[in-house]
Amino acid sequence: MEEFNPPIISDEQKCNNLKSIEKQIRIFAAREDYVSEMLDIEKSSPGQTTETIQKLEADAASLDEKVKDLEGNMLELLPCPKTVKSNNVPKEDPKITATNNKFAVLNTANGDVKDVTPAAPKIRPIMKKLFPEYNLILQDLHRTHPTATNTHAGGYIKIQAESTDLHREITNFLDSKKVQFYVTAPPPATRPLKLVIKGLLVSTDPKEIKKMTSLVKESK
């Protein structure tokens, strides 16, 4: 049985595929926003129908799934080879000049002292929230910090820097672009409370729902 080898695509084709996927993500994200707005209007309007609401909710879930699939495909192709090649500038080879060590006697006298190396600080990942133009931010990061790694994790891009200096530069860059991100997981007290209330009628007064959620918070 002959072995099947996947076709090899050029760097230009790879970058074109990235642009095409990014365009599809923006289109589906715009449709998802539209369906979400229609769903809000339908739920808040008198004479609402359960069938219409269910149809809109199904459309929203389908669009969200398509966006996630496209995001996964994009992460497999990132970064664009053209932008990475521009960063591969050869480094100068510094010349090393041998000199006499005037403090060799001190090193001999302190030979019994143990060399204790401090533990390197743990570099925490940066979690950047996904949004329609997030790929443009990722491309900028690949140009300025090509050694940082990016992975998709539940609606966020996980950015891992190699050093604390690079970590600080990346967070400063995201701040300058007004991008939503966090460095550590938010404490439980600040996380939004998610509830699933079964058997709730569409005609239920919002005040009654708020009263039920407040009782749940008090019981925790």
Protein backbone atom coordinates (compact mmCIF):
# COMPACT_ATOMS: atom_id res chain seq x y z
CA MET A 1 0.00 0.00 0.00
CA GLU A 2 1.45 3.33 -1.06
CA GLU A 3 2.05 5.90 1.65
CA PHE A 4 0.04 9.11 1.24
CA ASN A 5 2.00 12.31 1.72
CA PRO A 6 0.06 15.56 2.20
CA PRO A 7 0.72 18.19 -0.51
CA ILE A 8 3.40 20.76 0.30
CA ILE A 9 2.18 24.35 0.02
CA SER A 10 4.35 27.40 -0.50
CA ASP A 11 4.84 30.13 2.10
CA GLU A 12 2.78 32.51 -0.02
CA GLN A 13 -0.10 30.02 -0.23
CA LYS A 14 0.09 29.46 3.55
CA CYS A 15 -0.23 33.21 4.18
CA ASN A 16 -3.10 33.46 1.70
CA ASN A 17 -4.88 30.62 3.53
CA LEU A 18 -4.46 32.51 6.80
CA LYS A 19 -6.00 35.65 5.29
CA SER A 20 -8.91 33.63 3.89
CA ILE A 21 -9.61 31.97 7.26
CA GLU A 22 -9.42 35.33 9.04
CA LYS A 23 -11.97 36.76 6.59
CA GLN A 24 -14.36 33.85 7.23
CA ILE A 25 -14.00 34.28 10.99
CA ARG A 26 -14.92 37.98 10.75
CA ILE A 27 -17.94 37.17 8.56
CA PHE A 28 -19.26 34.46 10.91
CA ALA A 29 -18.57 36.67 13.95
CA ALA A 30 -20.59 39.49 12.38
CA ARG A 31 -23.45 37.08 11.66
CA GLU A 32 -23.28 35.79 15.23
CA ASP A 33 -23.58 39.35 16.57
CA TYR A 34 -26.58 39.95 14.29
CA VAL A 35 -28.34 36.74 15.42
CA SER A 36 -27.63 37.60 19.06
CA GLU A 37 -29.18 41.04 18.59
CA MET A 38 -32.25 39.51 16.92
CA LEU A 39 -32.55 37.06 19.80
CA ASP A 40 -32.49 39.89 22.35
CA ILE A 41 -35.16 41.77 20.40
CA GLU A 42 -37.36 38.67 20.14
CA LYS A 43 -37.11 37.90 23.85
CA SER A 44 -37.89 41.46 24.91
CA SER A 45 -40.79 42.01 22.49
CA PRO A 46 -44.43 41.16 23.25
CA GLY A 47 -45.94 38.35 21.24
CA GLN A 48 -42.70 36.40 21.16
CA THR A 49 -42.76 32.81 19.88
CA THR A 50 -40.84 29.89 21.34
CA GLU A 51 -40.21 28.46 17.86
CA THR A 52 -38.49 31.66 16.66
CA ILE A 53 -36.37 31.88 19.81
CA GLN A 54 -35.26 28.26 19.48
CA LYS A 55 -34.35 28.81 15.81
CA LEU A 56 -32.24 31.88 16.65
CA GLU A 57 -30.52 30.08 19.52
CA ALA A 58 -29.66 27.15 17.22
CA ASP A 59 -28.29 29.56 14.59
CA ALA A 60 -26.14 31.31 17.23
CA ALA A 61 -24.73 27.99 18.48
CA SER A 62 -23.96 26.85 14.92
CA LEU A 63 -22.14 30.10 14.09
CA ASP A 64 -20.15 29.91 17.34
CA GLU A 65 -19.06 26.35 16.48
CA LYS A 66 -17.95 27.44 12.99
CA VAL A 67 -15.89 30.30 14.43
CA LYS A 68 -14.16 27.94 16.89
CA ASP A 69 -13.34 25.45 14.11
CA LEU A 70 -11.85 28.21 11.95
CA GLU A 71 -9.84 29.52 14.89
CA GLY A 72 -8.38 26.04 15.40
CA ASN A 73 -7.44 25.85 11.70
CA MET A 74 -5.80 29.28 11.91
CA LEU A 75 -3.67 28.32 14.92
CA GLU A 76 -2.30 25.34 12.96
CA LEU A 77 -1.06 27.70 10.21
CA LEU A 78 0.25 30.54 12.39
CA PRO A 79 2.58 32.34 12.07
CA CYS A 80 2.70 33.60 8.48
CA PRO A 81 6.13 32.49 7.12
CA LYS A 82 6.68 35.83 5.38
CA THR A 83 6.51 37.80 8.63
CA VAL A 84 8.71 35.32 10.50
CA LYS A 85 11.50 35.32 7.88
CA SER A 86 11.95 39.08 8.25
CA ASN A 87 12.84 38.50 11.91
CA ASN A 88 15.58 35.96 11.20
CA VAL A 89 18.45 38.45 11.23
CA PRO A 90 21.84 36.76 11.81
CA LYS A 91 23.36 37.62 15.17
CA GLU A 92 26.90 38.94 15.44
CA ASP A 93 29.46 36.54 16.88
CA PRO A 94 31.13 38.47 19.73
CA LYS A 95 34.88 38.01 20.04
CA ILE A 96 36.07 36.71 23.41
CA THR A 97 39.34 38.15 24.70
CA ALA A 98 41.16 36.14 27.34
CA THR A 99 42.28 38.13 30.45
CA ASN A 100 44.01 37.25 33.69
CA ASN A 101 41.70 36.76 36.65
CA LYS A 102 42.98 39.04 39.44
CA PHE A 103 40.56 37.47 41.93
CA ALA A 104 41.63 33.84 41.47
CA VAL A 105 42.98 33.82 45.04
CA LEU A 106 39.57 34.76 46.40
CA ASN A 107 37.95 31.98 44.39
CA THR A 108 40.39 29.46 45.92
CA ALA A 109 39.79 30.73 49.46
CA ASN A 110 36.04 30.46 49.04
CA GLY A 111 36.15 27.01 47.45
CA ASP A 112 34.20 25.46 50.30
CA VAL A 113 31.28 27.88 49.92
CA LYS A 114 28.34 26.31 48.12
CA ASP A 115 27.13 28.04 44.99
CA VAL A 116 23.40 28.48 45.53
CA THR A 117 21.61 29.49 42.34
CA PRO A 118 18.27 31.21 42.97
CA ALA A 119 15.29 29.51 41.37
CA ALA A 120 14.11 31.18 38.19
CA PRO A 121 10.75 32.92 38.60
CA LYS A 122 7.82 31.10 37.05
CA ILE A 123 6.57 32.99 34.01
CA ARG A 124 2.80 32.98 34.01
CA PRO A 125 0.92 32.71 30.70
CA ILE A 126 -0.95 35.68 29.29
CA MET A 127 -4.57 34.89 28.40
CA LYS A 128 -5.81 37.17 25.59
CA LYS A 129 -9.53 37.23 24.89
CA LEU A 130 -10.63 36.40 21.34
CA PHE A 131 -12.24 39.13 19.24
CA PRO A 132 -12.77 39.66 15.47
CA GLU A 133 -9.41 41.45 14.86
CA TYR A 134 -7.32 39.31 17.23
CA ASN A 135 -5.26 37.82 14.35
CA LEU A 136 -3.82 41.27 13.53
CA ILE A 137 -2.59 41.56 17.13
CA LEU A 138 -1.08 38.05 16.91
CA GLN A 139 0.77 38.95 13.71
CA ASP A 140 2.23 42.04 15.40
CA LEU A 141 3.36 39.87 18.32
CA HIS A 142 4.97 37.36 15.94
CA ARG A 143 6.92 40.18 14.29
CA THR A 144 8.14 41.73 17.56
CA HIS A 145 8.36 38.58 19.74
CA PRO A 146 8.80 35.54 17.43
CA THR A 147 9.88 33.28 20.32
CA ALA A 148 6.57 33.60 22.21
CA THR A 149 4.20 30.64 21.77
CA ASN A 150 0.44 30.94 21.20
CA THR A 151 -2.22 28.29 21.77
CA HIS A 152 -6.03 28.32 21.76
CA ALA A 153 -7.68 27.67 25.12
CA GLY A 154 -11.44 28.02 25.60
CA GLY A 155 -12.15 31.39 23.96
CA TYR A 156 -8.70 32.78 24.80
CA ILE A 157 -5.26 32.82 23.18
CA LYS A 158 -2.65 31.58 25.67
CA ILE A 159 0.60 33.51 25.14
CA GLN A 160 3.74 32.10 26.80
CA ALA A 161 6.81 34.37 26.99
CA GLU A 162 10.36 33.03 27.42
CA SER A 163 11.45 35.58 30.01
CA THR A 164 10.05 38.11 32.46
CA ASP A 165 11.31 40.97 30.28
CA LEU A 166 9.45 39.64 27.23
CA HIS A 167 6.40 39.01 29.43
CA ARG A 168 6.42 42.67 30.50
CA GLU A 169 6.89 43.89 26.91
CA ILE A 170 3.97 41.79 25.65
CA THR A 171 1.58 42.94 28.41
CA ASN A 172 2.58 46.57 27.78
CA PHE A 173 1.90 46.06 24.07
CA LEU A 174 -1.55 44.56 24.74
CA ASP A 175 -2.33 47.46 27.11
CA SER A 176 -1.39 49.96 24.41
CA LYS A 177 -3.77 48.20 21.98
CA LYS A 178 -6.55 48.16 24.63
CA VAL A 179 -6.84 44.36 24.33
CA GLN A 180 -8.64 42.43 27.08
CA PHE A 181 -6.33 39.94 28.80
CA TYR A 182 -5.35 38.59 32.20
CA VAL A 183 -2.15 37.06 33.52
CA THR A 184 -3.54 34.80 36.24
CA ALA A 185 -6.92 33.18 36.60
CA PRO A 186 -9.41 35.66 38.13
CA PRO A 187 -10.27 34.91 41.76
CA PRO A 188 -13.54 33.02 42.29
CA ALA A 189 -15.14 36.03 43.97
CA THR A 190 -14.79 38.09 40.76
CA ARG A 191 -15.94 35.41 38.32
CA PRO A 192 -19.48 35.76 36.94
CA LEU A 193 -21.99 33.35 38.43
CA LYS A 194 -23.58 31.06 35.86
CA LEU A 195 -26.99 29.52 36.58
CA VAL A 196 -29.18 27.09 34.69
CA ILE A 197 -32.84 27.45 35.69
CA LYS A 198 -34.96 24.61 34.29
CA GLY A 199 -38.65 24.93 33.59
CA LEU A 200 -38.52 28.75 33.43
CA LEU A 201 -41.36 30.27 31.43
CA VAL A 202 -40.69 32.97 28.86
CA SER A 203 -43.27 35.16 30.59
CA THR A 204 -41.42 35.05 33.94
CA ASP A 205 -40.86 38.51 35.43
CA PRO A 206 -37.12 39.49 35.35
CA LYS A 207 -37.47 40.67 38.96
CA GLU A 208 -38.36 37.13 40.03
CA ILE A 209 -35.24 35.80 38.25
CA LYS A 210 -33.03 38.35 40.05
CA LYS A 211 -34.62 37.34 43.36
CA MET A 212 -33.82 33.66 42.69
CA THR A 213 -30.17 34.42 41.77
CA SER A 214 -29.71 36.53 44.90
CA LEU A 215 -30.95 33.62 47.05
CA VAL A 216 -28.41 31.31 45.38
CA LYS A 217 -25.56 33.77 46.09
CA GLU A 218 -26.57 34.05 49.75
CA SER A 219 -26.57 30.26 50.13
CA LYS A 220 -22.94 29.98 48.95
